[in-house]
Structure formats: C-alpha cells, structure tokens
Protein backbone atom coordinates (compact mmCIF):
# COMPACT_ATOMS: atom_id res chain seq x y z
CA MET A 1 0.00 0.00 0.00
CA SER A 2 1.15 3.57 -0.58
CA LYS A 3 2.99 5.16 2.30
CA PRO A 4 0.81 7.79 4.08
CA GLN A 5 2.30 11.29 4.15
CA LEU A 6 2.13 14.17 6.61
CA GLU A 7 -0.12 16.82 5.10
CA PRO A 8 -0.76 20.50 5.95
CA ARG A 9 -4.41 19.71 6.68
CA PHE A 10 -3.32 17.76 9.77
CA ALA A 11 -2.82 21.11 11.52
CA HIS A 12 -6.61 21.53 11.57
CA PRO A 13 -8.15 21.50 15.09
CA LYS A 14 -10.09 18.31 14.31
CA TYR A 15 -6.76 16.45 14.39
CA TRP A 16 -5.50 17.98 17.64
CA GLY A 17 -6.83 15.05 19.66
CA VAL A 18 -4.65 12.67 17.64
CA TRP A 19 -1.61 14.92 18.09
CA LEU A 20 -2.25 15.05 21.83
CA GLY A 21 -2.48 11.26 21.97
CA ILE A 22 0.75 10.81 20.01
CA SER A 23 2.54 13.30 22.27
CA ALA A 24 1.34 11.40 25.34
CA MET A 25 2.55 8.12 23.84
CA PHE A 26 6.02 9.57 23.25
CA CYS A 27 6.20 10.83 26.84
CA LEU A 28 5.08 7.47 28.22
CA SER A 29 7.73 5.69 26.15
CA LEU A 30 10.42 7.58 28.09
CA LEU A 31 9.41 5.96 31.39
CA PRO A 32 11.44 3.03 32.79
CA TYR A 33 10.37 -0.31 31.33
CA ARG A 34 9.27 -1.90 34.61
CA LEU A 35 7.24 1.18 35.49
CA GLN A 36 5.42 0.92 32.17
CA LEU A 37 4.62 -2.73 32.90
CA TRP A 38 3.27 -1.81 36.34
CA LEU A 39 1.15 1.04 35.00
CA GLY A 40 -0.12 -1.15 32.19
CA ALA A 41 -1.24 -3.87 34.58
CA LYS A 42 -3.06 -1.29 36.72
CA LEU A 43 -4.75 0.13 33.62
CA GLY A 44 -5.80 -3.37 32.60
CA ARG A 45 -7.45 -4.04 35.96
CA LEU A 46 -9.37 -0.79 35.63
CA ALA A 47 -10.45 -1.74 32.10
CA MET A 48 -11.70 -5.07 33.41
CA LYS A 49 -14.12 -3.19 35.67
CA LEU A 50 -15.24 -0.68 33.06
CA MET A 51 -15.34 -2.74 29.83
CA LYS A 52 -18.15 -5.06 30.83
CA SER A 53 -19.09 -6.21 27.33
CA ARG A 54 -15.48 -7.05 26.46
CA ARG A 55 -15.08 -8.82 29.78
CA ARG A 56 -18.09 -11.01 28.93
CA VAL A 57 -16.59 -11.82 25.51
CA ALA A 58 -13.27 -12.82 27.07
CA GLN A 59 -15.02 -14.89 29.74
CA GLN A 60 -17.01 -16.74 27.09
CA ASN A 61 -13.94 -17.34 24.91
CA LEU A 62 -12.05 -18.81 27.85
CA ALA A 63 -15.02 -20.98 28.81
CA LEU A 64 -15.36 -22.25 25.24
CA CYS A 65 -11.65 -22.93 24.75
CA PHE A 66 -10.74 -24.26 28.19
CA PRO A 67 -13.74 -26.24 29.50
CA GLU A 68 -11.32 -28.47 31.42
CA LEU A 69 -10.26 -25.58 33.69
CA SER A 70 -12.09 -24.73 36.89
CA ASP A 71 -14.04 -21.47 37.20
CA ALA A 72 -11.41 -20.18 39.64
CA VAL A 73 -8.52 -20.89 37.26
CA ARG A 74 -10.35 -19.25 34.35
CA ALA A 75 -11.16 -16.21 36.52
CA ASP A 76 -7.47 -15.81 37.33
CA LEU A 77 -6.58 -16.21 33.65
CA LEU A 78 -9.14 -13.52 32.79
CA LYS A 79 -7.55 -11.11 35.29
CA GLN A 80 -4.08 -11.79 33.91
CA ASN A 81 -5.39 -11.28 30.39
CA PHE A 82 -6.74 -7.83 31.19
CA GLU A 83 -3.48 -6.90 32.88
CA ASN A 84 -1.63 -7.94 29.75
CA THR A 85 -4.09 -5.93 27.66
CA GLY A 86 -3.18 -2.81 29.62
CA ILE A 87 0.51 -3.55 29.16
CA ALA A 88 -0.07 -3.92 25.41
CA LEU A 89 -1.14 -0.27 25.23
CA PHE A 90 2.20 0.78 26.69
CA GLU A 91 3.99 -1.56 24.30
CA ILE A 92 2.63 0.46 21.40
CA CYS A 93 4.59 3.41 22.83
CA MET A 94 7.71 1.26 23.21
CA ALA A 95 7.49 -0.26 19.73
CA TRP A 96 6.93 3.08 18.02
CA PHE A 97 9.28 5.37 19.91
CA TRP A 98 12.07 3.38 21.52
CA PRO A 99 15.44 3.64 19.74
CA ASP A 100 16.94 0.36 18.50
CA TRP A 101 19.50 0.18 21.30
CA ARG A 102 16.77 0.23 23.93
CA VAL A 103 14.71 -2.46 22.18
CA ARG A 104 17.79 -4.72 21.89
CA ARG A 105 18.22 -4.66 25.66
CA HIS A 106 14.85 -6.32 26.13
CA PHE A 107 14.63 -9.33 23.82
CA VAL A 108 16.17 -12.67 23.00
CA VAL A 109 15.60 -14.79 19.88
CA GLU A 110 14.88 -18.50 19.69
CA GLY A 111 15.04 -20.52 16.47
CA LYS A 112 16.21 -17.78 14.11
CA GLU A 113 18.18 -20.42 12.20
CA HIS A 114 14.88 -21.65 10.74
CA LEU A 115 14.24 -18.22 9.23
CA PHE A 116 17.75 -17.66 7.92
CA ASN A 117 18.06 -21.16 6.47
CA ALA A 118 14.95 -20.48 4.38
CA LEU A 119 16.25 -17.08 3.30
CA ASP A 120 19.66 -18.53 2.39
CA GLU A 121 17.84 -20.97 0.11
CA GLY A 122 16.15 -18.04 -1.64
CA LYS A 123 12.68 -18.92 -0.39
CA GLY A 124 9.78 -16.62 0.31
CA VAL A 125 8.70 -16.92 3.94
CA ILE A 126 5.25 -16.70 5.49
CA LEU A 127 5.56 -16.10 9.21
CA ILE A 128 2.28 -17.48 10.47
CA GLY A 129 1.47 -15.60 13.65
CA ALA A 130 -1.45 -14.85 15.93
CA HIS A 131 -3.07 -11.85 17.55
CA PHE A 132 -1.11 -11.85 20.77
CA LEU A 133 -1.16 -8.77 22.97
CA THR A 134 2.56 -8.43 22.19
CA LEU A 135 1.61 -7.65 18.58
CA GLU A 136 3.39 -4.28 18.30
CA MET A 137 6.60 -5.48 19.91
CA ASN A 138 6.41 -8.59 17.72
CA GLY A 139 6.58 -6.37 14.65
CA ARG A 140 9.43 -4.21 15.96
CA ILE A 141 11.55 -7.10 17.24
CA GLY A 142 10.84 -9.36 14.28
CA GLY A 143 11.81 -6.57 11.90
CA MET A 144 15.09 -6.09 13.76
CA VAL A 145 15.87 -9.80 13.36
CA HIS A 146 15.10 -9.50 9.63
CA PRO A 147 13.10 -6.68 7.98
CA GLY A 148 9.98 -8.05 6.37
CA ILE A 149 6.52 -6.93 5.27
CA GLY A 150 3.54 -6.58 7.59
CA ILE A 151 -0.15 -7.04 6.85
CA TYR A 152 -2.29 -4.07 7.78
CA ARG A 153 -5.81 -2.66 7.91
CA LYS A 154 -5.99 0.98 6.82
CA HIS A 155 -7.43 3.42 9.40
CA ASN A 156 -10.26 5.78 8.55
CA ASN A 157 -8.59 8.76 10.23
CA PRO A 158 -5.74 9.76 7.84
CA LEU A 159 -3.50 11.19 10.58
CA GLN A 160 -3.99 8.10 12.69
CA ASP A 161 -3.21 6.01 9.63
CA PHE A 162 0.02 7.96 9.10
CA TRP A 163 1.21 7.28 12.65
CA PHE A 164 0.26 3.62 12.60
CA TYR A 165 2.13 3.14 9.33
CA TRP A 166 5.12 5.12 10.62
CA GLY A 167 5.21 3.21 13.91
CA ARG A 168 4.89 -0.21 12.35
CA THR A 169 7.56 0.42 9.73
CA ARG A 170 10.22 1.44 12.25
CA ALA A 171 11.71 -2.00 11.56
CA LEU A 172 9.60 -3.37 8.69
CA LYS A 173 10.17 -2.69 5.00
CA SER A 174 6.56 -1.82 4.27
CA LEU A 175 2.94 -2.79 4.92
CA LEU A 176 0.42 -4.46 2.64
CA ASP A 177 -3.33 -4.12 2.95
CA ARG A 178 -4.80 -7.34 4.32
CA SER A 179 -6.94 -7.67 1.17
CA ASP A 180 -3.97 -7.29 -1.22
CA PHE A 181 -3.48 -10.97 -1.99
CA ARG A 182 -1.63 -10.26 -5.24
CA GLY A 183 0.80 -8.01 -3.41
CA MET A 184 1.52 -10.78 -0.89
CA VAL A 185 2.15 -13.31 -3.65
CA ARG A 186 4.41 -10.84 -5.47
CA ALA A 187 6.44 -10.27 -2.28
CA LEU A 188 6.85 -14.01 -1.69
CA ARG A 189 8.02 -14.55 -5.27
CA GLN A 190 10.68 -11.90 -4.61
CA GLY A 191 11.94 -13.84 -1.60
CA GLU A 192 10.45 -11.53 1.01
CA VAL A 193 9.23 -12.34 4.51
CA ILE A 194 5.59 -11.53 5.26
CA TRP A 195 3.77 -11.79 8.59
CA TYR A 196 0.29 -13.31 8.35
CA ALA A 197 -2.18 -14.00 11.17
CA PRO A 198 -5.23 -16.11 10.20
CA ASP A 199 -6.74 -16.33 13.69
CA HIS A 200 -9.43 -13.61 13.52
CA ASP A 201 -13.00 -14.30 12.46
CA TYR A 202 -13.44 -12.49 9.13
CA GLY A 203 -16.91 -13.84 8.34
CA ASN A 204 -18.08 -16.76 6.24
CA ARG A 205 -16.44 -15.72 2.95
CA ARG A 206 -13.61 -18.10 2.01
CA CYS A 207 -13.62 -19.73 5.41
CA ALA A 208 -13.75 -23.26 6.75
CA PHE A 209 -15.37 -24.37 10.00
CA VAL A 210 -12.61 -26.34 11.70
CA PRO A 211 -11.58 -26.99 15.32
CA PHE A 212 -9.88 -24.35 17.43
CA PHE A 213 -9.29 -25.44 21.02
CA ALA A 214 -12.53 -27.09 22.23
CA VAL A 215 -14.70 -25.31 19.65
CA GLU A 216 -15.31 -27.82 16.88
CA LYS A 217 -16.54 -25.30 14.30
CA ALA A 218 -14.47 -22.10 14.30
CA ALA A 219 -14.65 -19.94 11.17
CA THR A 220 -11.10 -19.92 9.82
CA VAL A 221 -9.76 -18.17 6.72
CA MET A 222 -8.10 -20.40 4.14
CA GLY A 223 -5.67 -17.74 2.94
CA THR A 224 -2.60 -19.37 4.48
CA SER A 225 -2.68 -22.39 2.19
CA ALA A 226 -3.51 -20.19 -0.81
CA LEU A 227 -0.44 -18.04 -0.13
CA ALA A 228 1.71 -21.08 0.60
CA ARG A 229 1.05 -22.37 -2.91
CA THR A 230 3.30 -19.58 -4.16
CA LYS A 231 6.33 -21.23 -5.74
CA ASN A 232 9.38 -21.66 -3.48
CA THR A 233 7.58 -20.55 -0.30
CA VAL A 234 7.71 -21.97 3.23
CA VAL A 235 5.50 -21.37 6.27
CA LEU A 236 7.15 -20.77 9.67
CA PRO A 237 5.20 -20.31 12.93
CA SER A 238 6.47 -17.22 14.75
CA PHE A 239 5.41 -15.09 17.71
CA ALA A 240 6.75 -12.86 20.48
CA GLN A 241 6.20 -13.90 24.08
CA ARG A 242 6.43 -11.53 27.04
CA LEU A 243 8.74 -13.01 29.66
CA PRO A 244 7.83 -12.96 33.39
CA ASN A 245 9.14 -10.50 35.98
CA GLY A 246 9.98 -7.75 33.50
CA GLN A 247 12.65 -9.79 31.71
CA GLY A 248 11.56 -8.54 28.29
CA TYR A 249 10.54 -10.65 25.29
CA LYS A 250 11.37 -13.86 23.50
CA MET A 251 11.01 -13.81 19.72
CA ILE A 252 10.30 -17.38 18.62
CA PHE A 253 10.72 -18.92 15.16
CA LYS A 254 9.64 -22.54 14.68
CA ALA A 255 10.66 -25.01 11.99
CA PRO A 256 8.81 -24.77 8.65
CA LEU A 257 5.54 -26.68 8.43
CA ALA A 258 6.08 -30.03 6.75
CA ASN A 259 3.84 -31.10 3.86
CA PHE A 260 2.08 -27.74 3.71
CA PRO A 261 -0.02 -26.94 1.80
CA THR A 262 -1.53 -30.36 1.20
CA GLY A 263 -3.98 -29.36 -1.53
CA ASP A 264 -6.90 -29.68 0.89
CA ASP A 265 -7.68 -26.14 2.07
CA ILE A 266 -9.98 -27.32 4.86
CA ALA A 267 -7.36 -29.68 6.28
CA ASP A 268 -4.76 -26.91 5.98
CA ALA A 269 -7.01 -24.50 7.88
CA ALA A 270 -7.28 -27.08 10.67
CA THR A 271 -3.48 -27.36 10.67
CA THR A 272 -2.97 -23.61 11.01
CA ASN A 273 -5.48 -23.52 13.87
CA LYS A 274 -3.55 -26.28 15.66
CA VAL A 275 -0.30 -24.38 15.14
CA ILE A 276 -1.82 -21.23 16.63
CA GLU A 277 -3.42 -23.19 19.46
CA ASP A 278 0.02 -24.53 20.42
CA MET A 279 1.37 -20.97 20.41
CA VAL A 280 -1.46 -19.73 22.62
CA ARG A 281 -1.14 -22.60 25.12
CA SER A 282 2.44 -21.49 25.82
CA ALA A 283 1.18 -18.10 27.11
CA PRO A 284 -2.66 -18.05 27.18
CA GLU A 285 -2.78 -14.89 29.31
CA GLN A 286 -1.12 -12.98 26.45
CA TYR A 287 -3.62 -13.84 23.72
CA MET A 288 -6.26 -11.39 22.50
CA TRP A 289 -9.30 -13.05 24.08
CA LEU A 290 -11.28 -9.79 24.00
CA HIS A 291 -12.28 -10.17 20.35
CA ARG A 292 -15.21 -12.36 19.27
CA ARG A 293 -13.24 -15.18 17.72
CA PHE A 294 -16.33 -17.36 17.23
CA LYS A 295 -18.90 -14.80 16.07
CA THR A 296 -19.52 -16.49 12.69
CA ARG A 297 -21.49 -19.71 12.99
CA PRO A 298 -22.56 -22.32 10.43
CA GLU A 299 -25.98 -21.62 8.98
CA GLY A 300 -28.71 -22.38 11.47
CA GLU A 301 -26.48 -22.40 14.56
CA ALA A 302 -27.07 -19.93 17.39
CA SER A 303 -24.56 -17.28 18.44
CA LEU A 304 -22.06 -18.30 21.07
CA TYR A 305 -22.11 -14.78 22.53
CA LYS A 306 -25.68 -14.35 23.64
CA LYS A 307 -26.02 -12.69 27.04
C-alpha cells in the first residue's frame, strides 16, 4: 500500500486530539520499562471493571476454549489477560518510539536459524502468527531480526493512519493491505518475509469451520494455504512472548511446516489452527481473548455470545 504522508491539513483543530495522543505516547515511552509494565497492569485491571461487554466476551472465549479448567482458574486467567491488555497499550509506545538500542536490551531470539536457512535458500517466507497482545513489539523485534513486510488494515482517520504506518515500519520494509493478496504473492516470489495471522473471524467468505481449542466449528480463513502455494515458499510459525518478571521478550521462530499446503484447504485450515493453538497454550494470558473469535457460525447455529 502507498505510504501515508504528513499533510498541511493535519494542523486543523479536528486532528488535535490525535496529536495530543501521540505526544502522550512519546512521553510514556520515556518511562522506565518496569514502570510501564506496572502502570499497564493497573490500567488493565481498571479496564476489566469498566469494559463489561469485552469482559463477557473474554469470559465466554475462555469458557469455550478451556472447558477443562475450573471457574477459579479461568477467573485468574481472565484477570491476567486484562493486565496484559493494559501492558499492550504501553507496548505500542515502546514499539513506536524506543530507539533500536533500547529495544535490543529487552529481547532474546529462539530458532532464528529456521528463518535464515529459508532465506539462504532463496525462499519466500510466510511467518504465520497470531493476535497476541505483544503484537506491536512482535513487529518491531521481528523486523530487527530481519526486515519483512507486515499485513495491515488501513485506518479511517488519515492522521492516525500515518502514525500507525510510521510506527509499524520502524523495523519493517513496508505494509500491505490485508486484502492485497496479489501483493503478498508478489512479495513471496521476490523472496520476502511476510507476517500473516489467520486467527481472527473475518466472516463466512472463504472460510472453513474447523476446530480451534474445544470449539469444533471455528470460522477460519483459508488464505494461508492459498499463499503457501506460491512457488518456493515456506510457512514458519512465529510469535513474540512476554517473559515474566519484567525480563523482556522472547522472539520465537519454529521449523517450517512439513507437507504444507496439502492441496486440501480445509485440512490446511485445521493445521494452522492447531499451530496457533500450540502458540497460545504457551502463554494463554497474552492472547487477545477480547475479540469475538467465534462470532460467525454455520448456517442455522445460534450465536455463542448471547447474554
């Protein structure tokens, strides 16, 4: 997608709220890392009290995905999840405004040989990820390991769109609109690395209803296998995990998926869901449970989010 530009019209008073927000983000980014974590957790606990509808969505998602857990364990997981949600807001400030030297102090990398082996062989790489609450730091750290291309949804507010693009390309080469399938294929043919997360519910168009955790019929996009059919392309699971006690982040790259794609898009969608499920189980409190992952149902089935 074309790179948004700063324009004279952004001096208009209707954009002052965005400028104020960006200024606040920069100031917050200057705070010590552990203080930002503490403030983020406090903000998350407050959000848990105020955002009642989102809290109900997260509660239902956890109940659907982890029926084997007790109510008490799920309640504690819900609290941790909101704390991590608050921290994620501060991580936007870190990812956008921290200099490289400060970011490097706070992450380690596991499995980067899988990525560089594929690149050395001249392959295009799909980093299959998920919507973890570490999303912004994932982009910044991953881009510092190797600059790639992110997938992006354009914002309606043009000034907001400029800042999101600017912040997310601090370490990435560029961003592609999530609907630009041809652009993704072109990038893979050129041996680029693209980050792709197929774990949101995008409706019933080009989706398969396959298992995700304990939900037997989760609407899942089949774009991963379609992209993976690009010649000389491999699919690597990858995600950033926030380490405990303020130790920073671990950027994880897994081995390429074997025998993928298989030619059966539905089976491949089930495979990608299992890959993402394994990621989430390693740090379930850091996953974005606040979105309605199971809002699309097969025809005739009732909503899973009724009050």
